[in-house]
Structure formats: structure tokens, C-alpha cells
Amino acid sequence: MTRDAAISSLKKGMLSKSTEKEIENSIKCFTDPDITLSHGRALSIDQIKGCGLNIEEIDLASDLWSRVRDLYTRSTYVVDRGDRGYKLLETLNCSYLAS
């Protein structure tokens, strides 16, 4: 399901000219357990760049990184609490919590 959502999003955005198979191959660094070794394991910037995705490294001292870290912290708190939910979906306007 997550792989399908990633492929669909990338097909609508930065990889719109790629086939679904090409996108699936591009995101193997995120989905192949032989590469990731475990669910949720951090990947290095070099591993991600090797996937062929259009990414930008963010300065850890920047305001943007601070906002991303804050969102991650809040999201993790919500999802890690077993009584609240198991999946959090965020859009520009709404938050959805599946429980």
C-alpha cells in the first residue's frame, strides 16, 4: 500500500515522465529490505541521491529543518501512542488519524 502511494505520488510529480516500473526501481532504496535492512532505518543522503530522485539537502541549522523536525516529533508522538492511532496522514489543510 505504501509503495503504491509513493509510486502514485511520484508519477504525479517529479517523475511524471517515468513509467510505474521505472519509479518502482527508483524507490528500491526505500523499499528493498536488502538495502534498508529494517523498517524505518535512516538512509544516507548519498543512498537517496543514488535513487535518481530530485532532492535537496537541507541545512540542519535552517528554519525549514526546524519545522520539519517539529512536525516529525509531533507526528511520532501521535502515532507511537497506541491508544491514539496507527497511521497519520497530513495534507496542507487537514490531518487524518487512522485508528
C-alpha atoms as a PDB file:
ATOM      1  CA  MET A   1       0.000   0.000   0.000  1.00  0.00           C
ATOM      2  CA  THR A   2       2.727   2.497   0.958  1.00  0.00           C
ATOM      3  CA  ARG A   3       4.748   1.562  -2.133  1.00  0.00           C
ATOM      4  CA  ASP A   4       1.675   2.129  -4.316  1.00  0.00           C
ATOM      5  CA  ALA A   5       1.055   5.530  -2.699  1.00  0.00           C
ATOM      6  CA  ALA A   6       4.687   6.530  -3.252  1.00  0.00           C
ATOM      7  CA  ILE A   7       4.605   5.439  -6.897  1.00  0.00           C
ATOM      8  CA  SER A   8       1.328   7.285  -7.474  1.00  0.00           C
ATOM      9  CA  SER A   9       2.635  10.500  -5.864  1.00  0.00           C
ATOM     10  CA  LEU A  10       5.919  10.420  -7.760  1.00  0.00           C
ATOM     11  CA  LYS A  11       4.086   9.708 -11.032  1.00  0.00           C
ATOM     12  CA  LYS A  12       2.010  12.851 -10.470  1.00  0.00           C
ATOM     13  CA  GLY A  13       5.064  14.926  -9.562  1.00  0.00           C
ATOM     14  CA  MET A  14       8.812  14.796 -10.096  1.00  0.00           C
ATOM     15  CA  LEU A  15       8.782  11.505 -12.023  1.00  0.00           C
ATOM     16  CA  SER A  16       5.747  12.233 -14.214  1.00  0.00           C
ATOM     17  CA  LYS A  17       7.631  11.220 -17.359  1.00  0.00           C
ATOM     18  CA  SER A  18       8.654   7.845 -15.911  1.00  0.00           C
ATOM     19  CA  THR A  19       6.769   4.574 -16.111  1.00  0.00           C
ATOM     20  CA  GLU A  20       5.476   2.966 -12.920  1.00  0.00           C
ATOM     21  CA  LYS A  21       8.127   0.244 -13.290  1.00  0.00           C
ATOM     22  CA  GLU A  22      10.890   2.869 -13.586  1.00  0.00           C
ATOM     23  CA  ILE A  23       9.579   4.608 -10.465  1.00  0.00           C
ATOM     24  CA  GLU A  24       9.387   1.302  -8.597  1.00  0.00           C
ATOM     25  CA  ASN A  25      13.056   0.695  -9.473  1.00  0.00           C
ATOM     26  CA  SER A  26      13.961   4.256  -8.392  1.00  0.00           C
ATOM     27  CA  ILE A  27      12.500   3.818  -4.910  1.00  0.00           C
ATOM     28  CA  LYS A  28      14.127   0.454  -4.184  1.00  0.00           C
ATOM     29  CA  CYS A  29      16.495   2.201  -1.789  1.00  0.00           C
ATOM     30  CA  PHE A  30      13.405   2.815   0.374  1.00  0.00           C
ATOM     31  CA  THR A  31      11.527  -0.451  -0.184  1.00  0.00           C
ATOM     32  CA  ASP A  32      14.089  -3.231  -0.636  1.00  0.00           C
ATOM     33  CA  PRO A  33      14.831  -4.894   2.736  1.00  0.00           C
ATOM     34  CA  ASP A  34      18.267  -5.960   1.453  1.00  0.00           C
ATOM     35  CA  ILE A  35      19.139  -2.243   1.216  1.00  0.00           C
ATOM     36  CA  THR A  36      17.244  -0.773   4.163  1.00  0.00           C
ATOM     37  CA  LEU A  37      17.941  -3.742   6.478  1.00  0.00           C
ATOM     38  CA  SER A  38      14.979  -2.746   8.674  1.00  0.00           C
ATOM     39  CA  HIS A  39      11.756  -0.731   8.566  1.00  0.00           C
ATOM     40  CA  GLY A  40      12.324   2.905   9.448  1.00  0.00           C
ATOM     41  CA  ARG A  41      16.124   2.779   9.189  1.00  0.00           C
ATOM     42  CA  ALA A  42      17.681   6.081   8.193  1.00  0.00           C
ATOM     43  CA  LEU A  43      19.288   6.264   4.764  1.00  0.00           C
ATOM     44  CA  SER A  44      22.259   8.471   3.978  1.00  0.00           C
ATOM     45  CA  ILE A  45      21.974  11.401   1.593  1.00  0.00           C
ATOM     46  CA  ASP A  46      24.274   9.533  -0.829  1.00  0.00           C
ATOM     47  CA  GLN A  47      21.981   6.471  -0.822  1.00  0.00           C
ATOM     48  CA  ILE A  48      18.970   8.647  -1.585  1.00  0.00           C
ATOM     49  CA  LYS A  49      20.732  10.602  -4.329  1.00  0.00           C
ATOM     50  CA  GLY A  50      21.606   7.235  -5.879  1.00  0.00           C
ATOM     51  CA  CYS A  51      17.882   6.572  -6.351  1.00  0.00           C
ATOM     52  CA  GLY A  52      17.681   9.268  -9.014  1.00  0.00           C
ATOM     53  CA  LEU A  53      15.183  11.418  -7.137  1.00  0.00           C
ATOM     54  CA  ASN A  54      15.323  15.216  -7.339  1.00  0.00           C
ATOM     55  CA  ILE A  55      16.215  16.046  -3.741  1.00  0.00           C
ATOM     56  CA  GLU A  56      17.836  18.906  -1.897  1.00  0.00           C
ATOM     57  CA  GLU A  57      19.870  18.613   1.285  1.00  0.00           C
ATOM     58  CA  ILE A  58      18.577  20.965   3.994  1.00  0.00           C
ATOM     59  CA  ASP A  59      20.920  22.752   6.386  1.00  0.00           C
ATOM     60  CA  LEU A  60      20.313  21.405   9.898  1.00  0.00           C
ATOM     61  CA  ALA A  61      20.516  24.958  11.270  1.00  0.00           C
ATOM     62  CA  SER A  62      17.791  26.279   8.946  1.00  0.00           C
ATOM     63  CA  ASP A  63      14.264  27.313   9.895  1.00  0.00           C
ATOM     64  CA  LEU A  64      12.875  24.779   7.408  1.00  0.00           C
ATOM     65  CA  TRP A  65      14.725  21.900   9.081  1.00  0.00           C
ATOM     66  CA  SER A  66      13.458  23.063  12.466  1.00  0.00           C
ATOM     67  CA  ARG A  67       9.868  22.960  11.169  1.00  0.00           C
ATOM     68  CA  VAL A  68      10.342  19.520   9.614  1.00  0.00           C
ATOM     69  CA  ARG A  69      11.838  18.191  12.857  1.00  0.00           C
ATOM     70  CA  ASP A  70       8.939  19.655  14.874  1.00  0.00           C
ATOM     71  CA  LEU A  71       6.371  18.062  12.556  1.00  0.00           C
ATOM     72  CA  TYR A  72       8.190  14.732  12.773  1.00  0.00           C
ATOM     73  CA  THR A  73       8.292  14.925  16.576  1.00  0.00           C
ATOM     74  CA  ARG A  74       4.582  15.733  16.862  1.00  0.00           C
ATOM     75  CA  SER A  75       3.629  13.046  14.329  1.00  0.00           C
ATOM     76  CA  THR A  76       5.730  10.432  16.086  1.00  0.00           C
ATOM     77  CA  TYR A  77       4.136  11.303  19.417  1.00  0.00           C
ATOM     78  CA  VAL A  78       0.639  10.874  17.972  1.00  0.00           C
ATOM     79  CA  VAL A  79       1.342   7.583  16.196  1.00  0.00           C
ATOM     80  CA  ASP A  80       3.555   5.991  18.862  1.00  0.00           C
ATOM     81  CA  ARG A  81       0.816   6.297  21.443  1.00  0.00           C
ATOM     82  CA  GLY A  82      -1.006   3.011  20.839  1.00  0.00           C
ATOM     83  CA  ASP A  83      -4.295   4.392  22.111  1.00  0.00           C
ATOM     84  CA  ARG A  84      -4.419   7.202  19.530  1.00  0.00           C
ATOM     85  CA  GLY A  85      -3.837   5.593  16.161  1.00  0.00           C
ATOM     86  CA  TYR A  86      -1.512   3.724  13.896  1.00  0.00           C
ATOM     87  CA  LYS A  87      -1.260   5.953  10.832  1.00  0.00           C
ATOM     88  CA  LEU A  88      -1.226   9.727  10.458  1.00  0.00           C
ATOM     89  CA  LEU A  89      -1.903  11.346   7.087  1.00  0.00           C
ATOM     90  CA  GLU A  90      -1.184  15.040   6.662  1.00  0.00           C
ATOM     91  CA  THR A  91      -2.263  17.410   3.903  1.00  0.00           C
ATOM     92  CA  LEU A  92      -1.843  21.173   3.632  1.00  0.00           C
ATOM     93  CA  ASN A  93      -5.253  21.681   5.232  1.00  0.00           C
ATOM     94  CA  CYS A  94      -6.072  18.602   7.315  1.00  0.00           C
ATOM     95  CA  SER A  95      -4.766  15.792   9.482  1.00  0.00           C
ATOM     96  CA  TYR A  96      -6.278  12.325   9.453  1.00  0.00           C
ATOM     97  CA  LEU A  97      -5.586   9.743  12.107  1.00  0.00           C
ATOM     98  CA  ALA A  98      -6.477   6.104  11.400  1.00  0.00           C
ATOM     99  CA  SER A  99      -7.086   4.084  14.499  1.00  0.00           C
END
